[in-house]
Amino acid sequence: MAVVTQYVVIRDGAEKMTFTSKAEADAHDKILDMAEALNPLIKSSELFTDEQQLEDMALFLAKERENVLIALGAKKPKKPKTEKALTEKAEVSKPADKESTKAA
Protein backbone atom coordinates (compact mmCIF):
# COMPACT_ATOMS: atom_id res chain seq x y z
CA MET A 1 0.00 0.00 0.00
CA ALA A 2 1.39 3.38 -1.00
CA VAL A 3 1.02 6.52 1.03
CA VAL A 4 0.55 9.70 -0.98
CA THR A 5 0.70 13.17 0.49
CA GLN A 6 -1.55 15.66 -1.26
CA TYR A 7 -1.98 19.38 -0.81
CA VAL A 8 -5.43 20.70 -1.60
CA VAL A 9 -6.19 24.35 -2.37
CA ILE A 10 -9.65 25.21 -1.04
CA ARG A 11 -11.40 28.52 -1.72
CA ASP A 12 -14.82 29.49 -0.38
CA GLY A 13 -15.39 25.91 0.75
CA ALA A 14 -14.72 24.48 -2.70
CA GLU A 15 -11.73 22.35 -3.66
CA LYS A 16 -9.88 24.18 -6.43
CA MET A 17 -6.88 21.94 -7.12
CA THR A 18 -4.78 19.16 -5.64
CA PHE A 19 -0.98 19.10 -5.74
CA THR A 20 1.73 16.69 -4.68
CA SER A 21 4.07 19.40 -3.38
CA LYS A 22 3.46 22.17 -0.90
CA ALA A 23 5.39 24.65 -3.06
CA GLU A 24 3.07 24.06 -6.04
CA ALA A 25 -0.01 24.39 -3.83
CA ASP A 26 1.31 27.63 -2.31
CA ALA A 27 2.12 29.03 -5.77
CA HIS A 28 -1.40 28.26 -7.01
CA ASP A 29 -2.92 29.77 -3.87
CA LYS A 30 -0.87 32.92 -4.46
CA ILE A 31 -2.20 33.13 -8.04
CA LEU A 32 -5.75 32.83 -6.72
CA ASP A 33 -5.04 35.63 -4.21
CA MET A 34 -3.77 37.88 -7.00
CA ALA A 35 -6.75 37.08 -9.22
CA GLU A 36 -9.08 37.90 -6.34
CA ALA A 37 -7.33 41.26 -5.86
CA LEU A 38 -7.46 42.02 -9.61
CA ASN A 39 -11.15 41.21 -9.89
CA PRO A 40 -12.51 44.58 -8.58
CA LEU A 41 -10.06 46.53 -10.75
CA ILE A 42 -11.10 44.70 -13.91
CA LYS A 43 -14.77 44.95 -12.94
CA SER A 44 -14.45 48.73 -12.59
CA SER A 45 -13.38 48.94 -16.25
CA GLU A 46 -16.86 47.75 -17.28
CA LEU A 47 -15.27 45.98 -20.26
CA PHE A 48 -16.55 42.60 -19.13
CA THR A 49 -20.23 42.09 -18.41
CA ASP A 50 -19.98 38.32 -18.05
CA GLU A 51 -18.79 37.34 -14.56
CA GLN A 52 -16.97 34.27 -15.91
CA GLN A 53 -15.01 36.37 -18.42
CA LEU A 54 -14.07 38.78 -15.64
CA GLU A 55 -12.79 35.93 -13.45
CA ASP A 56 -10.95 34.36 -16.39
CA MET A 57 -9.20 37.65 -17.20
CA ALA A 58 -8.20 38.18 -13.57
CA LEU A 59 -6.80 34.64 -13.40
CA PHE A 60 -4.96 35.09 -16.71
CA LEU A 61 -3.32 38.33 -15.53
CA ALA A 62 -2.34 36.72 -12.23
CA LYS A 63 -0.75 33.75 -14.01
CA GLU A 64 1.09 36.12 -16.38
CA ARG A 65 2.19 38.52 -13.63
CA GLU A 66 5.84 38.52 -14.74
CA ASN A 67 4.89 39.59 -18.27
CA VAL A 68 2.40 42.15 -16.92
CA LEU A 69 5.11 43.69 -14.72
CA ILE A 70 7.48 43.82 -17.70
CA ALA A 71 4.77 45.42 -19.88
CA LEU A 72 4.12 48.04 -17.19
CA GLY A 73 7.83 48.79 -16.89
CA ALA A 74 7.97 47.68 -13.28
CA LYS A 75 10.38 44.88 -14.10
CA LYS A 76 13.06 44.38 -16.71
CA PRO A 77 12.81 41.37 -19.02
CA LYS A 78 15.30 38.57 -18.58
CA LYS A 79 17.92 38.56 -21.30
CA PRO A 80 17.87 35.29 -23.23
CA LYS A 81 21.15 33.41 -23.11
CA THR A 82 22.76 33.36 -26.51
CA GLU A 83 24.39 30.27 -27.94
CA LYS A 84 27.75 32.06 -27.91
CA ALA A 85 27.49 32.87 -24.20
CA LEU A 86 26.59 29.28 -23.40
CA THR A 87 29.56 28.01 -25.45
CA GLU A 88 31.97 30.43 -23.77
CA LYS A 89 30.72 29.40 -20.34
CA ALA A 90 31.23 25.73 -21.18
CA GLU A 91 34.79 26.41 -22.42
CA VAL A 92 35.71 28.27 -19.25
CA SER A 93 34.56 25.37 -17.09
CA LYS A 94 36.63 22.80 -19.06
CA PRO A 95 40.04 21.94 -17.60
CA ALA A 96 42.95 23.01 -19.81
CA ASP A 97 44.29 20.24 -21.96
CA LYS A 98 47.95 19.16 -21.65
CA GLU A 99 49.09 20.48 -25.04
CA SER A 100 47.88 24.04 -24.42
CA THR A 101 49.71 24.15 -21.07
CA LYS A 102 52.97 22.98 -22.67
CA ALA A 103 52.82 25.74 -25.29
CA ALA A 104 52.38 28.43 -22.66
PDB file of N, CA and C in Angstrom:
ATOM      1  N   MET A   1       0.849  -1.181   0.000  1.00  0.00           N
ATOM      2  CA  MET A   1       0.000   0.000   0.000  1.00  0.00           C
ATOM      3  C   MET A   1       0.893   1.242   0.000  1.00  0.00           C
ATOM      4  N   ALA A   2       0.611   2.150  -0.890  1.00  0.00           N
ATOM      5  CA  ALA A   2       1.387   3.383  -1.001  1.00  0.00           C
ATOM      6  C   ALA A   2       0.701   4.515  -0.243  1.00  0.00           C
ATOM      7  N   VAL A   3       1.520   5.338   0.332  1.00  0.00           N
ATOM      8  CA  VAL A   3       1.023   6.515   1.030  1.00  0.00           C
ATOM      9  C   VAL A   3       1.371   7.729   0.175  1.00  0.00           C
ATOM     10  N   VAL A   4       0.361   8.535  -0.141  1.00  0.00           N
ATOM     11  CA  VAL A   4       0.554   9.702  -0.983  1.00  0.00           C
ATOM     12  C   VAL A   4       0.125  10.937  -0.202  1.00  0.00           C
ATOM     13  N   THR A   5       1.025  11.905  -0.146  1.00  0.00           N
ATOM     14  CA  THR A   5       0.698  13.174   0.489  1.00  0.00           C
ATOM     15  C   THR A   5       0.185  14.116  -0.578  1.00  0.00           C
ATOM     16  N   GLN A   6      -0.971  14.726  -0.311  1.00  0.00           N
ATOM     17  CA  GLN A   6      -1.550  15.662  -1.260  1.00  0.00           C
ATOM     18  C   GLN A   6      -1.847  16.974  -0.562  1.00  0.00           C
ATOM     19  N   TYR A   7      -1.676  18.049  -1.304  1.00  0.00           N
ATOM     20  CA  TYR A   7      -1.976  19.379  -0.807  1.00  0.00           C
ATOM     21  C   TYR A   7      -3.144  19.916  -1.626  1.00  0.00           C
ATOM     22  N   VAL A   8      -4.204  20.291  -0.934  1.00  0.00           N
ATOM     23  CA  VAL A   8      -5.431  20.705  -1.596  1.00  0.00           C
ATOM     24  C   VAL A   8      -5.634  22.206  -1.371  1.00  0.00           C
ATOM     25  N   VAL A   9      -5.876  22.921  -2.455  1.00  0.00           N
ATOM     26  CA  VAL A   9      -6.190  24.348  -2.372  1.00  0.00           C
ATOM     27  C   VAL A   9      -7.708  24.464  -2.325  1.00  0.00           C
ATOM     28  N   ILE A  10      -8.201  25.056  -1.238  1.00  0.00           N
ATOM     29  CA  ILE A  10      -9.649  25.209  -1.041  1.00  0.00           C
ATOM     30  C   ILE A  10      -9.968  26.694  -0.947  1.00  0.00           C
ATOM     31  N   ARG A  11     -10.938  27.127  -1.743  1.00  0.00           N
ATOM     32  CA  ARG A  11     -11.401  28.517  -1.723  1.00  0.00           C
ATOM     33  C   ARG A  11     -12.907  28.538  -1.554  1.00  0.00           C
ATOM     34  N   ASP A  12     -13.374  29.339  -0.630  1.00  0.00           N
ATOM     35  CA  ASP A  12     -14.816  29.493  -0.377  1.00  0.00           C
ATOM     36  C   ASP A  12     -15.493  28.133  -0.204  1.00  0.00           C
ATOM     37  N   GLY A  13     -14.821  27.228   0.474  1.00  0.00           N
ATOM     38  CA  GLY A  13     -15.386  25.913   0.749  1.00  0.00           C
ATOM     39  C   GLY A  13     -15.338  24.932  -0.403  1.00  0.00           C
ATOM     40  N   ALA A  14     -14.790  25.363  -1.537  1.00  0.00           N
ATOM     41  CA  ALA A  14     -14.721  24.482  -2.705  1.00  0.00           C
ATOM     42  C   ALA A  14     -13.270  24.099  -2.983  1.00  0.00           C
ATOM     43  N   GLU A  15     -13.067  22.831  -3.317  1.00  0.00           N
ATOM     44  CA  GLU A  15     -11.733  22.350  -3.662  1.00  0.00           C
ATOM     45  C   GLU A  15     -11.378  22.857  -5.049  1.00  0.00           C
ATOM     46  N   LYS A  16     -10.283  23.600  -5.145  1.00  0.00           N
ATOM     47  CA  LYS A  16      -9.880  24.180  -6.428  1.00  0.00           C
ATOM     48  C   LYS A  16      -8.910  23.278  -7.176  1.00  0.00           C
ATOM     49  N   MET A  17      -7.878  22.797  -6.481  1.00  0.00           N
ATOM     50  CA  MET A  17      -6.879  21.944  -7.117  1.00  0.00           C
ATOM     51  C   MET A  17      -6.135  21.143  -6.068  1.00  0.00           C
ATOM     52  N   THR A  18      -5.568  20.017  -6.514  1.00  0.00           N
ATOM     53  CA  THR A  18      -4.776  19.163  -5.644  1.00  0.00           C
ATOM     54  C   THR A  18      -3.373  19.058  -6.211  1.00  0.00           C
ATOM     55  N   PHE A  19      -2.378  19.137  -5.332  1.00  0.00           N
ATOM     56  CA  PHE A  19      -0.977  19.096  -5.737  1.00  0.00           C
ATOM     57  C   PHE A  19      -0.228  18.069  -4.900  1.00  0.00           C
ATOM     58  N   THR A  20       0.911  17.643  -5.419  1.00  0.00           N
ATOM     59  CA  THR A  20       1.733  16.691  -4.680  1.00  0.00           C
ATOM     60  C   THR A  20       2.851  17.376  -3.908  1.00  0.00           C
ATOM     61  N   SER A  21       3.058  18.674  -4.150  1.00  0.00           N
ATOM     62  CA  SER A  21       4.072  19.397  -3.384  1.00  0.00           C
ATOM     63  C   SER A  21       3.458  20.654  -2.765  1.00  0.00           C
ATOM     64  N   LYS A  22       3.954  20.984  -1.603  1.00  0.00           N
ATOM     65  CA  LYS A  22       3.465  22.171  -0.901  1.00  0.00           C
ATOM     66  C   LYS A  22       3.798  23.439  -1.683  1.00  0.00           C
ATOM     67  N   ALA A  23       4.974  23.468  -2.298  1.00  0.00           N
ATOM     68  CA  ALA A  23       5.387  24.654  -3.062  1.00  0.00           C
ATOM     69  C   ALA A  23       4.431  24.934  -4.215  1.00  0.00           C
ATOM     70  N   GLU A  24       4.020  23.887  -4.937  1.00  0.00           N
ATOM     71  CA  GLU A  24       3.068  24.063  -6.042  1.00  0.00           C
ATOM     72  C   GLU A  24       1.720  24.543  -5.528  1.00  0.00           C
ATOM     73  N   ALA A  25       1.273  23.983  -4.408  1.00  0.00           N
ATOM     74  CA  ALA A  25      -0.009  24.393  -3.828  1.00  0.00           C
ATOM     75  C   ALA A  25       0.045  25.851  -3.380  1.00  0.00           C
ATOM     76  N   ASP A  26       1.152  26.245  -2.749  1.00  0.00           N
ATOM     77  CA  ASP A  26       1.308  27.633  -2.307  1.00  0.00           C
ATOM     78  C   ASP A  26       1.350  28.593  -3.496  1.00  0.00           C
ATOM     79  N   ALA A  27       2.037  28.187  -4.572  1.00  0.00           N
ATOM     80  CA  ALA A  27       2.116  29.033  -5.765  1.00  0.00           C
ATOM     81  C   ALA A  27       0.732  29.230  -6.382  1.00  0.00           C
ATOM     82  N   HIS A  28      -0.049  28.155  -6.447  1.00  0.00           N
ATOM     83  CA  HIS A  28      -1.398  28.264  -7.010  1.00  0.00           C
ATOM     84  C   HIS A  28      -2.282  29.130  -6.110  1.00  0.00           C
ATOM     85  N   ASP A  29      -2.142  28.965  -4.813  1.00  0.00           N
ATOM     86  CA  ASP A  29      -2.918  29.768  -3.867  1.00  0.00           C
ATOM     87  C   ASP A  29      -2.572  31.246  -4.022  1.00  0.00           C
ATOM     88  N   LYS A  30      -1.299  31.538  -4.259  1.00  0.00           N
ATOM     89  CA  LYS A  30      -0.866  32.924  -4.463  1.00  0.00           C
ATOM     90  C   LYS A  30      -1.496  33.502  -5.734  1.00  0.00           C
ATOM     91  N   ILE A  31      -1.560  32.694  -6.785  1.00  0.00           N
ATOM     92  CA  ILE A  31      -2.198  33.128  -8.035  1.00  0.00           C
ATOM     93  C   ILE A  31      -3.671  33.441  -7.791  1.00  0.00           C
ATOM     94  N   LEU A  32      -4.339  32.590  -7.027  1.00  0.00           N
ATOM     95  CA  LEU A  32      -5.751  32.831  -6.721  1.00  0.00           C
ATOM     96  C   LEU A  32      -5.928  34.109  -5.900  1.00  0.00           C
ATOM     97  N   ASP A  33      -4.990  34.381  -4.974  1.00  0.00           N
ATOM     98  CA  ASP A  33      -5.041  35.632  -4.206  1.00  0.00           C
ATOM     99  C   ASP A  33      -4.908  36.844  -5.122  1.00  0.00           C
ATOM    100  N   MET A  34      -3.958  36.771  -6.066  1.00  0.00           N
ATOM    101  CA  MET A  34      -3.769  37.884  -6.999  1.00  0.00           C
ATOM    102  C   MET A  34      -4.995  38.084  -7.881  1.00  0.00           C
ATOM    103  N   ALA A  35      -5.560  36.985  -8.371  1.00  0.00           N
ATOM    104  CA  ALA A  35      -6.753  37.078  -9.219  1.00  0.00           C
ATOM    105  C   ALA A  35      -7.910  37.707  -8.445  1.00  0.00           C
ATOM    106  N   GLU A  36      -8.024  37.339  -7.191  1.00  0.00           N
ATOM    107  CA  GLU A  36      -9.083  37.902  -6.344  1.00  0.00           C
ATOM    108  C   GLU A  36      -8.882  39.407  -6.154  1.00  0.00           C
ATOM    109  N   ALA A  37      -7.630  39.838  -6.021  1.00  0.00           N
ATOM    110  CA  ALA A  37      -7.326  41.260  -5.861  1.00  0.00           C
ATOM    111  C   ALA A  37      -7.524  42.035  -7.169  1.00  0.00           C
ATOM    112  N   LEU A  38      -7.285  41.376  -8.302  1.00  0.00           N
ATOM    113  CA  LEU A  38      -7.457  42.025  -9.611  1.00  0.00           C
ATOM    114  C   LEU A  38      -8.925  42.145 -10.021  1.00  0.00           C
ATOM    115  N   ASN A  39      -9.744  41.280  -9.506  1.00  0.00           N
ATOM    116  CA  ASN A  39     -11.150  41.209  -9.888  1.00  0.00           C
ATOM    117  C   ASN A  39     -11.869  42.566  -9.794  1.00  0.00           C
ATOM    118  N   PRO A  40     -11.815  43.282  -8.664  1.00  0.00           N
ATOM    119  CA  PRO A  40     -12.510  44.578  -8.582  1.00  0.00           C
ATOM    120  C   PRO A  40     -11.965  45.617  -9.570  1.00  0.00           C
ATOM    121  N   LEU A  41     -10.661  45.579  -9.802  1.00  0.00           N
ATOM    122  CA  LEU A  41     -10.063  46.529 -10.747  1.00  0.00           C
ATOM    123  C   LEU A  41     -10.594  46.286 -12.157  1.00  0.00           C
ATOM    124  N   ILE A  42     -10.613  45.034 -12.573  1.00  0.00           N
ATOM    125  CA  ILE A  42     -11.105  44.698 -13.910  1.00  0.00           C
ATOM    126  C   ILE A  42     -12.599  44.987 -14.014  1.00  0.00           C
ATOM    127  N   LYS A  43     -13.323  44.698 -12.940  1.00  0.00           N
ATOM    128  CA  LYS A  43     -14.770  44.951 -12.944  1.00  0.00           C
ATOM    129  C   LYS A  43     -15.065  46.445 -13.105  1.00  0.00           C
ATOM    130  N   SER A  44     -14.216  47.280 -12.509  1.00  0.00           N
ATOM    131  CA  SER A  44     -14.446  48.734 -12.593  1.00  0.00           C
ATOM    132  C   SER A  44     -14.256  49.265 -14.012  1.00  0.00           C
ATOM    133  N   SER A  45     -13.571  48.505 -14.862  1.00  0.00           N
ATOM    134  CA  SER A  45     -13.380  48.941 -16.247  1.00  0.00           C
ATOM    135  C   SER A  45     -14.670  48.833 -17.058  1.00  0.00           C
ATOM    136  N   GLU A  46     -15.588  48.005 -16.613  1.00  0.00           N
ATOM    137  CA  GLU A  46     -16.862  47.748 -17.278  1.00  0.00           C
ATOM    138  C   GLU A  46     -16.679  47.198 -18.698  1.00  0.00           C
ATOM    139  N   LEU A  47     -15.521  46.596 -18.963  1.00  0.00           N
ATOM    140  CA  LEU A  47     -15.275  45.978 -20.263  1.00  0.00           C
ATOM    141  C   LEU A  47     -15.863  44.565 -20.337  1.00  0.00           C
ATOM    142  N   PHE A  48     -16.025  43.951 -19.187  1.00  0.00           N
ATOM    143  CA  PHE A  48     -16.554  42.597 -19.134  1.00  0.00           C
ATOM    144  C   PHE A  48     -17.883  42.597 -18.388  1.00  0.00           C
ATOM    145  N   THR A  49     -18.927  42.172 -19.068  1.00  0.00           N
ATOM    146  CA  THR A  49     -20.234  42.091 -18.414  1.00  0.00           C
ATOM    147  C   THR A  49     -20.488  40.689 -17.877  1.00  0.00           C
ATOM    148  N   ASP A  50     -19.842  39.712 -18.475  1.00  0.00           N
ATOM    149  CA  ASP A  50     -19.982  38.325 -18.049  1.00  0.00           C
ATOM    150  C   ASP A  50     -19.031  38.068 -16.879  1.00  0.00           C
ATOM    151  N   GLU A  51     -19.578  37.604 -15.771  1.00  0.00           N
ATOM    152  CA  GLU A  51     -18.787  37.339 -14.561  1.00  0.00           C
ATOM    153  C   GLU A  51     -17.681  36.311 -14.806  1.00  0.00           C
ATOM    154  N   GLN A  52     -17.963  35.311 -15.620  1.00  0.00           N
ATOM    155  CA  GLN A  52     -16.966  34.274 -15.907  1.00  0.00           C
ATOM    156  C   GLN A  52     -15.788  34.853 -16.694  1.00  0.00           C
ATOM    157  N   GLN A  53     -16.080  35.721 -17.658  1.00  0.00           N
ATOM    158  CA  GLN A  53     -15.006  36.370 -18.416  1.00  0.00           C
ATOM    159  C   GLN A  53     -14.148  37.234 -17.506  1.00  0.00           C
ATOM    160  N   LEU A  54     -14.783  37.930 -16.591  1.00  0.00           N
ATOM    161  CA  LEU A  54     -14.070  38.776 -15.641  1.00  0.00           C
ATOM    162  C   LEU A  54     -13.118  37.933 -14.787  1.00  0.00           C
ATOM    163  N   GLU A  55     -13.614  36.813 -14.262  1.00  0.00           N
ATOM    164  CA  GLU A  55     -12.785  35.928 -13.449  1.00  0.00           C
ATOM    165  C   GLU A  55     -11.660  35.308 -14.267  1.00  0.00           C
ATOM    166  N   ASP A  56     -11.963  34.943 -15.514  1.00  0.00           N
ATOM    167  CA  ASP A  56     -10.947  34.359 -16.386  1.00  0.00           C
ATOM    168  C   ASP A  56      -9.834  35.360 -16.682  1.00  0.00           C
ATOM    169  N   MET A  57     -10.197  36.620 -16.921  1.00  0.00           N
ATOM    170  CA  MET A  57      -9.195  37.651 -17.201  1.00  0.00           C
ATOM    171  C   MET A  57      -8.341  37.907 -15.959  1.00  0.00           C
ATOM    172  N   ALA A  58      -8.954  37.972 -14.805  1.00  0.00           N
ATOM    173  CA  ALA A  58      -8.201  38.181 -13.567  1.00  0.00           C
ATOM    174  C   ALA A  58      -7.223  37.027 -13.330  1.00  0.00           C
ATOM    175  N   LEU A  59      -7.659  35.808 -13.570  1.00  0.00           N
ATOM    176  CA  LEU A  59      -6.802  34.637 -13.401  1.00  0.00           C
ATOM    177  C   LEU A  59      -5.671  34.644 -14.431  1.00  0.00           C
ATOM    178  N   PHE A  60      -5.978  35.006 -15.665  1.00  0.00           N
ATOM    179  CA  PHE A  60      -4.960  35.095 -16.708  1.00  0.00           C
ATOM    180  C   PHE A  60      -3.885  36.105 -16.331  1.00  0.00           C
ATOM    181  N   LEU A  61      -4.285  37.300 -15.903  1.00  0.00           N
ATOM    182  CA  LEU A  61      -3.320  38.333 -15.532  1.00  0.00           C
ATOM    183  C   LEU A  61      -2.475  37.910 -14.331  1.00  0.00           C
ATOM    184  N   ALA A  62      -3.085  37.203 -13.395  1.00  0.00           N
ATOM    185  CA  ALA A  62      -2.343  36.718 -12.229  1.00  0.00           C
ATOM    186  C   ALA A  62      -1.310  35.679 -12.641  1.00  0.00           C
ATOM    187  N   LYS A  63      -1.682  34.778 -13.544  1.00  0.00           N
ATOM    188  CA  LYS A  63      -0.745  33.754 -14.010  1.00  0.00           C
ATOM    189  C   LYS A  63       0.392  34.374 -14.822  1.00  0.00           C
ATOM    190  N   GLU A  64       0.104  35.451 -15.528  1.00  0.00           N
ATOM    191  CA  GLU A  64       1.087  36.120 -16.381  1.00  0.00           C
ATOM    192  C   GLU A  64       1.695  37.342 -15.699  1.00  0.00           C
ATOM    193  N   ARG A  65       1.757  37.340 -14.385  1.00  0.00           N
ATOM    194  CA  ARG A  65       2.185  38.516 -13.628  1.00  0.00           C
ATOM    195  C   ARG A  65       3.571  39.018 -14.033  1.00  0.00           C
ATOM    196  N   GLU A  66       4.499  38.096 -14.327  1.00  0.00           N
ATOM    197  CA  GLU A  66       5.843  38.519 -14.736  1.00  0.00           C
ATOM    198  C   GLU A  66       5.770  39.346 -16.014  1.00  0.00           C
ATOM    199  N   ASN A  67       5.023  38.867 -17.002  1.00  0.00           N
ATOM    200  CA  ASN A  67       4.889  39.586 -18.269  1.00  0.00           C
ATOM    201  C   ASN A  67       4.122  40.890 -18.092  1.00  0.00           C
ATOM    202  N   VAL A  68       3.150  40.913 -17.191  1.00  0.00           N
ATOM    203  CA  VAL A  68       2.398  42.151 -16.920  1.00  0.00           C
ATOM    204  C   VAL A  68       3.333  43.187 -16.308  1.00  0.00           C
ATOM    205  N   LEU A  69       4.170  42.769 -15.349  1.00  0.00           N
ATOM    206  CA  LEU A  69       5.112  43.694 -14.719  1.00  0.00           C
ATOM    207  C   LEU A  69       6.116  44.229 -15.735  1.00  0.00           C
ATOM    208  N   ILE A  70       6.553  43.380 -16.643  1.00  0.00           N
ATOM    209  CA  ILE A  70       7.476  43.815 -17.700  1.00  0.00           C
ATOM    210  C   ILE A  70       6.775  44.816 -18.612  1.00  0.00           C
ATOM    211  N   ALA A  71       5.539  44.520 -18.994  1.00  0.00           N
ATOM    212  CA  ALA A  71       4.774  45.417 -19.877  1.00  0.00           C
ATOM    213  C   ALA A  71       4.530  46.772 -19.218  1.00  0.00           C
ATOM    214  N   LEU A  72       4.352  46.791 -17.914  1.00  0.00           N
ATOM    215  CA  LEU A  72       4.120  48.041 -17.187  1.00  0.00           C
ATOM    216  C   LEU A  72       5.414  48.777 -16.869  1.00  0.00           C
ATOM    217  N   GLY A  73       6.537  48.159 -17.151  1.00  0.00           N
ATOM    218  CA  GLY A  73       7.827  48.791 -16.891  1.00  0.00           C
ATOM    219  C   GLY A  73       8.280  48.670 -15.447  1.00  0.00           C
ATOM    220  N   ALA A  74       7.609  47.862 -14.679  1.00  0.00           N
ATOM    221  CA  ALA A  74       7.972  47.679 -13.276  1.00  0.00           C
ATOM    222  C   ALA A  74       9.091  46.657 -13.099  1.00  0.00           C
ATOM    223  N   LYS A  75       9.369  45.921 -14.160  1.00  0.00           N
ATOM    224  CA  LYS A  75      10.385  44.879 -14.098  1.00  0.00           C
ATOM    225  C   LYS A  75      11.047  44.793 -15.460  1.00  0.00           C
ATOM    226  N   LYS A  76      12.343  44.516 -15.454  1.00  0.00           N
ATOM    227  CA  LYS A  76      13.062  44.384 -16.714  1.00  0.00           C
ATOM    228  C   LYS A  76      12.984  42.936 -17.190  1.00  0.00           C
ATOM    229  N   PRO A  77      12.864  42.745 -18.502  1.00  0.00           N
ATOM    230  CA  PRO A  77      12.811  41.371 -19.015  1.00  0.00           C
ATOM    231  C   PRO A  77      14.147  40.678 -18.849  1.00  0.00           C
ATOM    232  N   LYS A  78      14.080  39.363 -18.671  1.00  0.00           N
ATOM    233  CA  LYS A  78      15.304  38.573 -18.581  1.00  0.00           C
ATOM    234  C   LYS A  78      15.923  38.499 -19.966  1.00  0.00           C
ATOM    235  N   LYS A  79      17.224  38.654 -20.012  1.00  0.00           N
ATOM    236  CA  LYS A  79      17.918  38.562 -21.298  1.00  0.00           C
ATOM    237  C   LYS A  79      18.092  37.087 -21.634  1.00  0.00           C
ATOM    238  N   PRO A  80      17.693  36.699 -22.842  1.00  0.00           N
ATOM    239  CA  PRO A  80      17.875  35.291 -23.226  1.00  0.00           C
ATOM    240  C   PRO A  80      19.353  34.994 -23.397  1.00  0.00           C
ATOM    241  N   LYS A  81      19.751  33.808 -22.959  1.00  0.00           N
ATOM    242  CA  LYS A  81      21.148  33.409 -23.110  1.00  0.00           C
ATOM    243  C   LYS A  81      21.400  33.053 -24.569  1.00  0.00           C
ATOM    244  N   THR A  82      22.422  33.643 -25.116  1.00  0.00           N
ATOM    245  CA  THR A  82      22.761  33.356 -26.507  1.00  0.00           C
ATOM    246  C   THR A  82      23.583  32.081 -26.573  1.00  0.00           C
ATOM    247  N   GLU A  83      23.616  31.494 -27.741  1.00  0.00           N
ATOM    248  CA  GLU A  83      24.390  30.266 -27.935  1.00  0.00           C
ATOM    249  C   GLU A  83      25.870  30.531 -27.683  1.00  0.00           C
ATOM    250  N   LYS A  84      26.341  31.714 -28.085  1.00  0.00           N
ATOM    251  CA  LYS A  84      27.745  32.059 -27.906  1.00  0.00           C
ATOM    252  C   LYS A  84      28.096  32.137 -26.416  1.00  0.00           C
ATOM    253  N   ALA A  85      27.241  32.752 -25.630  1.00  0.00           N
ATOM    254  CA  ALA A  85      27.488  32.874 -24.197  1.00  0.00           C
ATOM    255  C   ALA A  85      27.510  31.500 -23.532  1.00  0.00           C
ATOM    256  N   LEU A  86      26.623  30.626 -23.964  1.00  0.00           N
ATOM    257  CA  LEU A  86      26.594  29.281 -23.404  1.00  0.00           C
ATOM    258  C   LEU A  86      27.858  28.512 -23.762  1.00  0.00           C
ATOM    259  N   THR A  87      28.342  28.674 -25.002  1.00  0.00           N
ATOM    260  CA  THR A  87      29.561  28.005 -25.451  1.00  0.00           C
ATOM    261  C   THR A  87      30.769  28.517 -24.672  1.00  0.00           C
ATOM    262  N   GLU A  88      30.863  29.838 -24.509  1.00  0.00           N
ATOM    263  CA  GLU A  88      31.975  30.427 -23.767  1.00  0.00           C
ATOM    264  C   GLU A  88      31.991  29.947 -22.326  1.00  0.00           C
ATOM    265  N   LYS A  89      30.819  29.855 -21.720  1.00  0.00           N
ATOM    266  CA  LYS A  89      30.717  29.398 -20.336  1.00  0.00           C
ATOM    267  C   LYS A  89      31.192  27.947 -20.229  1.00  0.00           C
ATOM    268  N   ALA A  90      30.827  27.130 -21.194  1.00  0.00           N
ATOM    269  CA  ALA A  90      31.234  25.730 -21.185  1.00  0.00           C
ATOM    270  C   ALA A  90      32.745  25.611 -21.352  1.00  0.00           C
ATOM    271  N   GLU A  91      33.351  26.451 -22.208  1.00  0.00           N
ATOM    272  CA  GLU A  91      34.791  26.409 -22.422  1.00  0.00           C
ATOM    273  C   GLU A  91      35.553  26.845 -21.182  1.00  0.00           C
ATOM    274  N   VAL A  92      35.050  27.801 -20.462  1.00  0.00           N
ATOM    275  CA  VAL A  92      35.707  28.272 -19.248  1.00  0.00           C
ATOM    276  C   VAL A  92      35.715  27.181 -18.186  1.00  0.00           C
ATOM    277  N   SER A  93      34.658  26.396 -18.122  1.00  0.00           N
ATOM    278  CA  SER A  93      34.562  25.372 -17.090  1.00  0.00           C
ATOM    279  C   SER A  93      35.354  24.110 -17.417  1.00  0.00           C
ATOM    280  N   LYS A  94      35.836  23.968 -18.676  1.00  0.00           N
ATOM    281  CA  LYS A  94      36.632  22.805 -19.055  1.00  0.00           C
ATOM    282  C   LYS A  94      38.046  22.945 -18.501  1.00  0.00           C
ATOM    283  N   PRO A  95      38.638  21.861 -18.030  1.00  0.00           N
ATOM    284  CA  PRO A  95      40.039  21.940 -17.601  1.00  0.00           C
ATOM    285  C   PRO A  95      40.940  22.091 -18.824  1.00  0.00           C
ATOM    286  N   ALA A  96      42.034  22.790 -18.692  1.00  0.00           N
ATOM    287  CA  ALA A  96      42.949  23.011 -19.809  1.00  0.00           C
ATOM    288  C   ALA A  96      43.581  21.698 -20.204  1.00  0.00           C
ATOM    289  N   ASP A  97      43.676  21.477 -21.521  1.00  0.00           N
ATOM    290  CA  ASP A  97      44.293  20.235 -21.963  1.00  0.00           C
ATOM    291  C   ASP A  97      45.819  20.342 -21.871  1.00  0.00           C
ATOM    292  N   LYS A  98      46.506  19.207 -21.900  1.00  0.00           N
ATOM    293  CA  LYS A  98      47.949  19.156 -21.653  1.00  0.00           C
ATOM    294  C   LYS A  98      48.750  19.907 -22.715  1.00  0.00           C
ATOM    295  N   GLU A  99      48.333  19.843 -23.975  1.00  0.00           N
ATOM    296  CA  GLU A  99      49.089  20.483 -25.040  1.00  0.00           C
ATOM    297  C   GLU A  99      49.071  22.003 -24.913  1.00  0.00           C
ATOM    298  N   SER A 100      47.952  22.584 -24.517  1.00  0.00           N
ATOM    299  CA  SER A 100      47.877  24.041 -24.416  1.00  0.00           C
ATOM    300  C   SER A 100      48.708  24.540 -23.236  1.00  0.00           C
ATOM    301  N   THR A 101      48.889  23.720 -22.203  1.00  0.00           N
ATOM    302  CA  THR A 101      49.711  24.147 -21.073  1.00  0.00           C
ATOM    303  C   THR A 101      51.187  24.063 -21.401  1.00  0.00           C
ATOM    304  N   LYS A 102      51.582  23.106 -22.279  1.00  0.00           N
ATOM    305  CA  LYS A 102      52.975  22.980 -22.674  1.00  0.00           C
ATOM    306  C   LYS A 102      53.396  24.173 -23.523  1.00  0.00           C
ATOM    307  N   ALA A 103      52.506  24.638 -24.393  1.00  0.00           N
ATOM    308  CA  ALA A 103      52.823  25.743 -25.288  1.00  0.00           C
ATOM    309  C   ALA A 103      52.972  27.046 -24.527  1.00  0.00           C
ATOM    310  N   ALA A 104      52.349  27.183 -23.414  1.00  0.00           N
ATOM    311  CA  ALA A 104      52.375  28.434 -22.659  1.00  0.00           C
ATOM    312  C   ALA A 104      53.559  28.548 -21.818  1.00  0.00           C
TER     313      ALA A 104
END
